[in-house]
């Protein structure tokens, strides 16, 4: 695990992208890393949205969709990524260093926003792998806690070491000097692991179907009249979770037509 941080001056804007400078790099494992960049003051985004992030490649932008991990009010932008050794982008992006330039798209978008959901009592933010990213922004948005009585973050990974941001969700955020008083009584963090022995073991779909998730967190099982859900992660898990919710009477939503759940389809691992 490596961790590097330094102060860097913002770079300039270029066409459809801001040219930002890397200010922090943290390698969680040999497959996961986080990077932070400067943020152009003109960039505005809502919690849960994504932007295009990438590098120049032979004078052309090489970018993919990345959820913004940082809250909408942060001075810097943070991103959480996998490492694909033969991927066209992440094979290069994983090697960026503090001071390097990256491209950040000027047009944030995405379906994982609070306004895509009908009012409800409990909010479930269900991520697998780097699908946790948009929820790390949402859990730092005061509006999330004003709208919901409980905010449940589930993060399912293969190995225990893949539980990036675990300490932040268990201790850092609930103990935060500014947000902790609002967060601590409402946030429930539920990590689960599929391959290593762990206190919560198995696919999140199985933990829902068996009722184990709800027994562990002390809340009743999904009810479309009460519980709202956001989904982000691998395509097969998203498909299974969507089917599970629809079987329980849930309706998919969007900003144009709010529903009981929303999911993000924009991400491809490259």
C-alpha atoms as a PDB file:
ATOM      1  CA  UNK A   1       0.000   0.000   0.000  1.00  0.00           C
ATOM      2  CA  UNK A   2       1.358   3.398  -0.953  1.00  0.00           C
ATOM      3  CA  UNK A   3       0.038   6.861  -0.224  1.00  0.00           C
ATOM      4  CA  UNK A   4       1.301  10.113  -1.697  1.00  0.00           C
ATOM      5  CA  UNK A   5      -0.078  13.630  -1.315  1.00  0.00           C
ATOM      6  CA  UNK A   6       1.149  17.059  -2.329  1.00  0.00           C
ATOM      7  CA  UNK A   7      -0.338  20.450  -3.098  1.00  0.00           C
ATOM      8  CA  UNK A   8      -0.548  21.158  -6.820  1.00  0.00           C
ATOM      9  CA  UNK A   9      -1.790  24.133  -8.790  1.00  0.00           C
ATOM     10  CA  UNK A  10      -4.755  23.574 -11.132  1.00  0.00           C
ATOM     11  CA  UNK A  11      -3.991  23.188 -14.807  1.00  0.00           C
ATOM     12  CA  UNK A  12      -5.963  24.762 -17.639  1.00  0.00           C
ATOM     13  CA  UNK A  13      -9.191  23.827 -19.389  1.00  0.00           C
ATOM     14  CA  UNK A  14      -9.083  22.280 -22.867  1.00  0.00           C
ATOM     15  CA  UNK A  15     -12.128  21.747 -25.080  1.00  0.00           C
ATOM     16  CA  UNK A  16     -14.592  19.300 -23.511  1.00  0.00           C
ATOM     17  CA  UNK A  17     -12.244  18.640 -20.592  1.00  0.00           C
ATOM     18  CA  UNK A  18     -10.609  20.382 -17.701  1.00  0.00           C
ATOM     19  CA  UNK A  19      -6.924  19.586 -17.470  1.00  0.00           C
ATOM     20  CA  UNK A  20      -6.363  18.920 -13.776  1.00  0.00           C
ATOM     21  CA  UNK A  21      -3.299  17.963 -11.758  1.00  0.00           C
ATOM     22  CA  UNK A  22      -3.029  14.884  -9.554  1.00  0.00           C
ATOM     23  CA  UNK A  23      -2.648  15.873  -5.891  1.00  0.00           C
ATOM     24  CA  UNK A  24      -2.879  12.484  -4.147  1.00  0.00           C
ATOM     25  CA  UNK A  25      -2.495   8.804  -5.050  1.00  0.00           C
ATOM     26  CA  UNK A  26      -3.335   5.877  -2.771  1.00  0.00           C
ATOM     27  CA  UNK A  27      -2.899   2.230  -3.816  1.00  0.00           C
ATOM     28  CA  UNK A  28      -5.214   0.058  -1.726  1.00  0.00           C
ATOM     29  CA  UNK A  29      -4.146  -3.245  -3.286  1.00  0.00           C
ATOM     30  CA  UNK A  30      -2.568  -4.545  -6.488  1.00  0.00           C
ATOM     31  CA  UNK A  31      -6.003  -4.128  -8.095  1.00  0.00           C
ATOM     32  CA  UNK A  32      -7.467  -0.955  -6.542  1.00  0.00           C
ATOM     33  CA  UNK A  33      -6.351   2.648  -6.223  1.00  0.00           C
ATOM     34  CA  UNK A  34      -7.651   6.118  -5.451  1.00  0.00           C
ATOM     35  CA  UNK A  35      -6.518   9.407  -6.916  1.00  0.00           C
ATOM     36  CA  UNK A  36      -7.375  13.013  -6.169  1.00  0.00           C
ATOM     37  CA  UNK A  37      -7.022  15.988  -8.487  1.00  0.00           C
ATOM     38  CA  UNK A  38      -7.412  19.719  -8.482  1.00  0.00           C
ATOM     39  CA  UNK A  39     -10.922  20.969  -9.270  1.00  0.00           C
ATOM     40  CA  UNK A  40     -11.795  23.776 -11.625  1.00  0.00           C
ATOM     41  CA  UNK A  41     -14.155  26.167  -9.803  1.00  0.00           C
ATOM     42  CA  UNK A  42     -16.506  26.055 -12.788  1.00  0.00           C
ATOM     43  CA  UNK A  43     -17.255  22.346 -12.339  1.00  0.00           C
ATOM     44  CA  UNK A  44     -20.552  21.693 -10.581  1.00  0.00           C
ATOM     45  CA  UNK A  45     -21.950  18.228  -9.895  1.00  0.00           C
ATOM     46  CA  UNK A  46     -24.598  16.548  -7.769  1.00  0.00           C
ATOM     47  CA  UNK A  47     -23.794  13.814  -5.267  1.00  0.00           C
ATOM     48  CA  UNK A  48     -23.739  10.453  -7.071  1.00  0.00           C
ATOM     49  CA  UNK A  49     -22.948  11.782 -10.539  1.00  0.00           C
ATOM     50  CA  UNK A  50     -20.004  10.769 -12.722  1.00  0.00           C
ATOM     51  CA  UNK A  51     -17.656  12.531 -15.104  1.00  0.00           C
ATOM     52  CA  UNK A  52     -15.332  11.354 -17.836  1.00  0.00           C
ATOM     53  CA  UNK A  53     -11.789  10.903 -16.527  1.00  0.00           C
ATOM     54  CA  UNK A  54      -8.657   9.975 -18.399  1.00  0.00           C
ATOM     55  CA  UNK A  55      -5.440  10.863 -20.154  1.00  0.00           C
ATOM     56  CA  UNK A  56      -4.205  12.109 -23.501  1.00  0.00           C
ATOM     57  CA  UNK A  57      -3.152   9.273 -25.810  1.00  0.00           C
ATOM     58  CA  UNK A  58      -1.439  10.104 -29.096  1.00  0.00           C
ATOM     59  CA  UNK A  59      -2.948  13.612 -28.977  1.00  0.00           C
ATOM     60  CA  UNK A  60      -6.441  12.200 -28.407  1.00  0.00           C
ATOM     61  CA  UNK A  61      -8.408  11.939 -25.147  1.00  0.00           C
ATOM     62  CA  UNK A  62      -8.638   8.417 -23.696  1.00  0.00           C
ATOM     63  CA  UNK A  63     -11.386   8.584 -21.077  1.00  0.00           C
ATOM     64  CA  UNK A  64     -14.035   6.529 -19.291  1.00  0.00           C
ATOM     65  CA  UNK A  65     -16.848   7.231 -16.839  1.00  0.00           C
ATOM     66  CA  UNK A  66     -15.860   7.601 -13.199  1.00  0.00           C
ATOM     67  CA  UNK A  67     -18.152   8.454 -10.306  1.00  0.00           C
ATOM     68  CA  UNK A  68     -16.942  11.358  -8.216  1.00  0.00           C
ATOM     69  CA  UNK A  69     -16.072  10.046  -4.755  1.00  0.00           C
ATOM     70  CA  UNK A  70     -15.661  13.462  -3.180  1.00  0.00           C
ATOM     71  CA  UNK A  71     -18.679  15.474  -1.991  1.00  0.00           C
ATOM     72  CA  UNK A  72     -20.044  18.228  -4.196  1.00  0.00           C
ATOM     73  CA  UNK A  73     -18.581  20.903  -1.922  1.00  0.00           C
ATOM     74  CA  UNK A  74     -14.984  19.580  -1.854  1.00  0.00           C
ATOM     75  CA  UNK A  75     -12.084  21.622  -3.193  1.00  0.00           C
ATOM     76  CA  UNK A  76     -10.615  18.571  -4.931  1.00  0.00           C
ATOM     77  CA  UNK A  77     -12.006  15.679  -6.981  1.00  0.00           C
ATOM     78  CA  UNK A  78     -11.507  12.086  -5.854  1.00  0.00           C
ATOM     79  CA  UNK A  79     -11.881   8.914  -7.911  1.00  0.00           C
ATOM     80  CA  UNK A  80     -11.777   5.189  -7.076  1.00  0.00           C
ATOM     81  CA  UNK A  81     -10.517   2.803  -9.756  1.00  0.00           C
ATOM     82  CA  UNK A  82      -9.626  -0.751 -10.545  1.00  0.00           C
ATOM     83  CA  UNK A  83      -6.368  -1.664 -12.283  1.00  0.00           C
ATOM     84  CA  UNK A  84      -6.741  -3.587 -15.536  1.00  0.00           C
ATOM     85  CA  UNK A  85      -3.195  -4.451 -16.573  1.00  0.00           C
ATOM     86  CA  UNK A  86      -4.036  -4.702 -20.276  1.00  0.00           C
ATOM     87  CA  UNK A  87      -6.822  -2.103 -20.204  1.00  0.00           C
ATOM     88  CA  UNK A  88      -6.341   0.839 -22.560  1.00  0.00           C
ATOM     89  CA  UNK A  89      -6.897   3.410 -19.798  1.00  0.00           C
ATOM     90  CA  UNK A  90      -6.302   1.939 -16.347  1.00  0.00           C
ATOM     91  CA  UNK A  91      -3.083   0.238 -17.420  1.00  0.00           C
ATOM     92  CA  UNK A  92      -1.755   3.801 -17.693  1.00  0.00           C
ATOM     93  CA  UNK A  93      -3.891   5.661 -15.156  1.00  0.00           C
ATOM     94  CA  UNK A  94      -2.712   3.419 -12.296  1.00  0.00           C
ATOM     95  CA  UNK A  95       0.808   4.776 -12.768  1.00  0.00           C
ATOM     96  CA  UNK A  96       0.003   8.500 -12.479  1.00  0.00           C
ATOM     97  CA  UNK A  97       1.969  10.439  -9.903  1.00  0.00           C
ATOM     98  CA  UNK A  98       1.371  13.614  -7.992  1.00  0.00           C
ATOM     99  CA  UNK A  99       1.771  16.552 -10.371  1.00  0.00           C
ATOM    100  CA  UNK A 100       0.734  14.626 -13.490  1.00  0.00           C
ATOM    101  CA  UNK A 101      -2.064  15.981 -15.667  1.00  0.00           C
ATOM    102  CA  UNK A 102      -5.378  14.175 -16.188  1.00  0.00           C
ATOM    103  CA  UNK A 103      -8.520  15.036 -18.121  1.00  0.00           C
ATOM    104  CA  UNK A 104     -11.821  15.652 -16.308  1.00  0.00           C
ATOM    105  CA  UNK A 105     -15.003  16.025 -18.337  1.00  0.00           C
ATOM    106  CA  UNK A 106     -16.975  19.244 -18.058  1.00  0.00           C
ATOM    107  CA  UNK A 107     -20.429  17.625 -18.101  1.00  0.00           C
ATOM    108  CA  UNK A 108     -21.309  15.561 -15.011  1.00  0.00           C
ATOM    109  CA  UNK A 109     -24.257  13.206 -15.417  1.00  0.00           C
ATOM    110  CA  UNK A 110     -25.715   9.974 -14.041  1.00  0.00           C
ATOM    111  CA  UNK A 111     -28.805   8.395 -12.541  1.00  0.00           C
ATOM    112  CA  UNK A 112     -27.587   7.868  -8.955  1.00  0.00           C
ATOM    113  CA  UNK A 113     -28.992  11.119  -7.608  1.00  0.00           C
ATOM    114  CA  UNK A 114     -31.460  11.673  -4.795  1.00  0.00           C
ATOM    115  CA  UNK A 115     -33.971  13.374  -7.076  1.00  0.00           C
ATOM    116  CA  UNK A 116     -34.354  10.134  -9.042  1.00  0.00           C
ATOM    117  CA  UNK A 117     -36.130   8.569  -6.058  1.00  0.00           C
ATOM    118  CA  UNK A 118     -39.556   9.045  -4.537  1.00  0.00           C
ATOM    119  CA  UNK A 119     -39.658  10.082  -0.878  1.00  0.00           C
ATOM    120  CA  UNK A 120     -39.044   7.190   1.524  1.00  0.00           C
ATOM    121  CA  UNK A 121     -37.935   6.215   5.007  1.00  0.00           C
ATOM    122  CA  UNK A 122     -34.728   4.215   4.451  1.00  0.00           C
ATOM    123  CA  UNK A 123     -32.131   4.572   1.706  1.00  0.00           C
ATOM    124  CA  UNK A 124     -30.019   1.582   0.624  1.00  0.00           C
ATOM    125  CA  UNK A 125     -26.825   2.336  -1.298  1.00  0.00           C
ATOM    126  CA  UNK A 126     -25.697  -1.017  -2.683  1.00  0.00           C
ATOM    127  CA  UNK A 127     -22.293  -1.242  -4.338  1.00  0.00           C
ATOM    128  CA  UNK A 128     -19.969  -4.000  -5.471  1.00  0.00           C
ATOM    129  CA  UNK A 129     -16.251  -3.409  -6.059  1.00  0.00           C
ATOM    130  CA  UNK A 130     -15.553   0.148  -7.216  1.00  0.00           C
ATOM    131  CA  UNK A 131     -19.339   0.600  -7.471  1.00  0.00           C
ATOM    132  CA  UNK A 132     -19.021   1.974  -3.957  1.00  0.00           C
ATOM    133  CA  UNK A 133     -17.658   5.226  -5.429  1.00  0.00           C
ATOM    134  CA  UNK A 134     -20.840   7.286  -5.988  1.00  0.00           C
ATOM    135  CA  UNK A 135     -22.125   6.388  -2.546  1.00  0.00           C
ATOM    136  CA  UNK A 136     -19.024   7.842  -0.905  1.00  0.00           C
ATOM    137  CA  UNK A 137     -20.186  11.194  -2.240  1.00  0.00           C
ATOM    138  CA  UNK A 138     -23.807  10.678  -1.232  1.00  0.00           C
ATOM    139  CA  UNK A 139     -22.987   9.730   2.365  1.00  0.00           C
ATOM    140  CA  UNK A 140     -21.218  13.073   2.786  1.00  0.00           C
ATOM    141  CA  UNK A 141     -24.191  15.074   1.519  1.00  0.00           C
ATOM    142  CA  UNK A 142     -26.289  16.514   4.379  1.00  0.00           C
ATOM    143  CA  UNK A 143     -29.370  16.336   2.135  1.00  0.00           C
ATOM    144  CA  UNK A 144     -29.143  12.523   2.204  1.00  0.00           C
ATOM    145  CA  UNK A 145     -29.686  12.504   5.971  1.00  0.00           C
ATOM    146  CA  UNK A 146     -32.379  15.147   5.840  1.00  0.00           C
ATOM    147  CA  UNK A 147     -34.415  12.971   3.479  1.00  0.00           C
ATOM    148  CA  UNK A 148     -33.951   9.558   5.140  1.00  0.00           C
ATOM    149  CA  UNK A 149     -34.115   8.109   8.651  1.00  0.00           C
ATOM    150  CA  UNK A 150     -31.538   5.397   7.904  1.00  0.00           C
ATOM    151  CA  UNK A 151     -28.848   5.267   5.213  1.00  0.00           C
ATOM    152  CA  UNK A 152     -27.534   1.739   4.606  1.00  0.00           C
ATOM    153  CA  UNK A 153     -24.318   1.302   2.604  1.00  0.00           C
ATOM    154  CA  UNK A 154     -23.619  -2.254   1.462  1.00  0.00           C
ATOM    155  CA  UNK A 155     -20.251  -3.009  -0.140  1.00  0.00           C
ATOM    156  CA  UNK A 156     -19.612  -6.488  -1.524  1.00  0.00           C
ATOM    157  CA  UNK A 157     -16.136  -7.554  -2.668  1.00  0.00           C
ATOM    158  CA  UNK A 158     -14.217 -10.769  -3.308  1.00  0.00           C
ATOM    159  CA  UNK A 159     -11.454 -10.394  -0.719  1.00  0.00           C
ATOM    160  CA  UNK A 160     -11.344  -8.702   2.654  1.00  0.00           C
ATOM    161  CA  UNK A 161      -8.468  -6.484   1.504  1.00  0.00           C
ATOM    162  CA  UNK A 162     -10.751  -5.132  -1.231  1.00  0.00           C
ATOM    163  CA  UNK A 163     -12.922  -3.355   1.349  1.00  0.00           C
ATOM    164  CA  UNK A 164     -11.523   0.051   0.460  1.00  0.00           C
ATOM    165  CA  UNK A 165     -12.830   2.957   2.530  1.00  0.00           C
ATOM    166  CA  UNK A 166     -13.876   0.556   5.288  1.00  0.00           C
ATOM    167  CA  UNK A 167     -12.215   2.582   8.057  1.00  0.00           C
ATOM    168  CA  UNK A 168     -13.713   5.789   6.658  1.00  0.00           C
ATOM    169  CA  UNK A 169     -17.242   4.370   6.710  1.00  0.00           C
ATOM    170  CA  UNK A 170     -16.907   2.627  10.062  1.00  0.00           C
ATOM    171  CA  UNK A 171     -15.110   5.351  11.997  1.00  0.00           C
ATOM    172  CA  UNK A 172     -13.950   8.330   9.966  1.00  0.00           C
ATOM    173  CA  UNK A 173     -17.292   9.619   8.736  1.00  0.00           C
ATOM    174  CA  UNK A 174     -19.359   8.921  11.885  1.00  0.00           C
ATOM    175  CA  UNK A 175     -16.624  10.657  13.883  1.00  0.00           C
ATOM    176  CA  UNK A 176     -16.259  13.607  11.523  1.00  0.00           C
ATOM    177  CA  UNK A 177     -16.188  16.934  13.343  1.00  0.00           C
ATOM    178  CA  UNK A 178     -18.682  18.571  10.997  1.00  0.00           C
ATOM    179  CA  UNK A 179     -20.882  15.717   9.742  1.00  0.00           C
ATOM    180  CA  UNK A 180     -20.588  13.118  12.497  1.00  0.00           C
ATOM    181  CA  UNK A 181     -23.498  14.337  14.609  1.00  0.00           C
ATOM    182  CA  UNK A 182     -25.814  13.973  11.609  1.00  0.00           C
ATOM    183  CA  UNK A 183     -24.263  10.793  10.226  1.00  0.00           C
ATOM    184  CA  UNK A 184     -23.637   8.600  13.270  1.00  0.00           C
ATOM    185  CA  UNK A 185     -27.286   7.933  14.259  1.00  0.00           C
ATOM    186  CA  UNK A 186     -28.362   7.179  10.680  1.00  0.00           C
ATOM    187  CA  UNK A 187     -25.522   5.527   8.738  1.00  0.00           C
ATOM    188  CA  UNK A 188     -25.292   1.725   8.651  1.00  0.00           C
ATOM    189  CA  UNK A 189     -22.271   0.222   6.884  1.00  0.00           C
ATOM    190  CA  UNK A 190     -22.584  -3.424   5.830  1.00  0.00           C
ATOM    191  CA  UNK A 191     -19.510  -4.946   4.153  1.00  0.00           C
ATOM    192  CA  UNK A 192     -19.690  -8.474   2.747  1.00  0.00           C
ATOM    193  CA  UNK A 193     -17.050 -10.710   1.184  1.00  0.00           C
ATOM    194  CA  UNK A 194     -17.553 -13.596  -1.239  1.00  0.00           C
ATOM    195  CA  UNK A 195     -14.212 -15.466  -1.160  1.00  0.00           C
ATOM    196  CA  UNK A 196     -12.552 -14.884   2.228  1.00  0.00           C
ATOM    197  CA  UNK A 197     -13.934 -15.820   5.638  1.00  0.00           C
ATOM    198  CA  UNK A 198     -15.704 -12.750   6.992  1.00  0.00           C
ATOM    199  CA  UNK A 199     -18.420 -11.791   9.445  1.00  0.00           C
ATOM    200  CA  UNK A 200     -20.790 -11.145   6.509  1.00  0.00           C
ATOM    201  CA  UNK A 201     -20.050 -13.669   3.780  1.00  0.00           C
ATOM    202  CA  UNK A 202     -21.704 -14.154   0.390  1.00  0.00           C
ATOM    203  CA  UNK A 203     -23.199 -12.295  -2.564  1.00  0.00           C
ATOM    204  CA  UNK A 204     -25.417  -9.415  -1.566  1.00  0.00           C
ATOM    205  CA  UNK A 205     -28.269 -10.941  -3.562  1.00  0.00           C
ATOM    206  CA  UNK A 206     -28.121 -14.087  -1.428  1.00  0.00           C
ATOM    207  CA  UNK A 207     -27.921 -12.063   1.791  1.00  0.00           C
ATOM    208  CA  UNK A 208     -31.055 -10.194   0.734  1.00  0.00           C
ATOM    209  CA  UNK A 209     -32.950 -13.288  -0.427  1.00  0.00           C
ATOM    210  CA  UNK A 210     -32.224 -15.167   2.791  1.00  0.00           C
ATOM    211  CA  UNK A 211     -33.135 -12.180   4.935  1.00  0.00           C
ATOM    212  CA  UNK A 212     -29.676 -12.234   6.544  1.00  0.00           C
ATOM    213  CA  UNK A 213     -28.901  -8.632   5.602  1.00  0.00           C
ATOM    214  CA  UNK A 214     -31.966  -7.325   7.359  1.00  0.00           C
ATOM    215  CA  UNK A 215     -31.476  -9.523  10.415  1.00  0.00           C
ATOM    216  CA  UNK A 216     -27.900  -8.261  10.724  1.00  0.00           C
ATOM    217  CA  UNK A 217     -28.777  -4.564  10.496  1.00  0.00           C
ATOM    218  CA  UNK A 218     -32.007  -4.729  12.472  1.00  0.00           C
ATOM    219  CA  UNK A 219     -34.332  -3.399   9.785  1.00  0.00           C
ATOM    220  CA  UNK A 220     -37.349  -5.052   8.130  1.00  0.00           C
ATOM    221  CA  UNK A 221     -37.036  -6.567   4.663  1.00  0.00           C
ATOM    222  CA  UNK A 222     -37.473  -4.464   1.524  1.00  0.00           C
ATOM    223  CA  UNK A 223     -40.813  -2.732   1.151  1.00  0.00           C
ATOM    224  CA  UNK A 224     -41.421  -0.523  -1.888  1.00  0.00           C
ATOM    225  CA  UNK A 225     -43.678   1.711   0.184  1.00  0.00           C
ATOM    226  CA  UNK A 226     -40.836   2.563   2.552  1.00  0.00           C
ATOM    227  CA  UNK A 227     -37.348   1.685   1.250  1.00  0.00           C
ATOM    228  CA  UNK A 228     -35.454   3.333  -1.601  1.00  0.00           C
ATOM    229  CA  UNK A 229     -32.455   1.725  -3.302  1.00  0.00           C
ATOM    230  CA  UNK A 230     -29.501   2.796  -5.422  1.00  0.00           C
ATOM    231  CA  UNK A 231     -27.396   0.183  -7.236  1.00  0.00           C
ATOM    232  CA  UNK A 232     -23.903   0.367  -8.723  1.00  0.00           C
ATOM    233  CA  UNK A 233     -21.477  -2.421  -9.604  1.00  0.00           C
ATOM    234  CA  UNK A 234     -20.896  -5.334 -11.942  1.00  0.00           C
ATOM    235  CA  UNK A 235     -23.497  -5.905 -14.706  1.00  0.00           C
ATOM    236  CA  UNK A 236     -24.498  -9.406 -13.560  1.00  0.00           C
ATOM    237  CA  UNK A 237     -25.026  -8.318  -9.964  1.00  0.00           C
ATOM    238  CA  UNK A 238     -26.985  -5.265 -11.088  1.00  0.00           C
ATOM    239  CA  UNK A 239     -29.241  -7.451 -13.230  1.00  0.00           C
ATOM    240  CA  UNK A 240     -29.874  -9.824 -10.327  1.00  0.00           C
ATOM    241  CA  UNK A 241     -30.531  -7.007  -7.866  1.00  0.00           C
ATOM    242  CA  UNK A 242     -32.877  -5.268 -10.277  1.00  0.00           C
ATOM    243  CA  UNK A 243     -34.849  -8.486 -10.797  1.00  0.00           C
ATOM    244  CA  UNK A 244     -35.002  -9.022  -7.043  1.00  0.00           C
ATOM    245  CA  UNK A 245     -36.409  -5.534  -6.488  1.00  0.00           C
ATOM    246  CA  UNK A 246     -38.942  -5.766  -9.306  1.00  0.00           C
ATOM    247  CA  UNK A 247     -40.210  -9.048  -7.825  1.00  0.00           C
ATOM    248  CA  UNK A 248     -40.890  -7.062  -4.655  1.00  0.00           C
ATOM    249  CA  UNK A 249     -42.928  -4.452  -6.475  1.00  0.00           C
ATOM    250  CA  UNK A 250     -40.235  -1.831  -7.008  1.00  0.00           C
ATOM    251  CA  UNK A 251     -40.307   0.569  -9.956  1.00  0.00           C
ATOM    252  CA  UNK A 252     -37.127   1.938 -11.544  1.00  0.00           C
ATOM    253  CA  UNK A 253     -36.804   5.706 -11.493  1.00  0.00           C
ATOM    254  CA  UNK A 254     -34.965   8.599 -13.107  1.00  0.00           C
ATOM    255  CA  UNK A 255     -34.735  12.331 -12.603  1.00  0.00           C
ATOM    256  CA  UNK A 256     -37.517  12.777 -15.157  1.00  0.00           C
ATOM    257  CA  UNK A 257     -39.681  10.160 -13.455  1.00  0.00           C
ATOM    258  CA  UNK A 258     -38.656   9.338  -9.851  1.00  0.00           C
ATOM    259  CA  UNK A 259     -39.111   5.745  -8.717  1.00  0.00           C
ATOM    260  CA  UNK A 260     -38.302   3.319  -5.912  1.00  0.00           C
ATOM    261  CA  UNK A 261     -34.800   2.444  -7.138  1.00  0.00           C
ATOM    262  CA  UNK A 262     -32.163   3.686  -9.569  1.00  0.00           C
ATOM    263  CA  UNK A 263     -29.060   2.054 -10.994  1.00  0.00           C
ATOM    264  CA  UNK A 264     -26.027   3.150 -12.972  1.00  0.00           C
ATOM    265  CA  UNK A 265     -25.193   1.406 -16.246  1.00  0.00           C
ATOM    266  CA  UNK A 266     -22.461   3.711 -17.535  1.00  0.00           C
ATOM    267  CA  UNK A 267     -19.367   1.923 -16.261  1.00  0.00           C
ATOM    268  CA  UNK A 268     -17.128  -0.422 -18.222  1.00  0.00           C
ATOM    269  CA  UNK A 269     -13.902  -1.788 -16.764  1.00  0.00           C
ATOM    270  CA  UNK A 270     -11.028  -0.657 -19.010  1.00  0.00           C
END
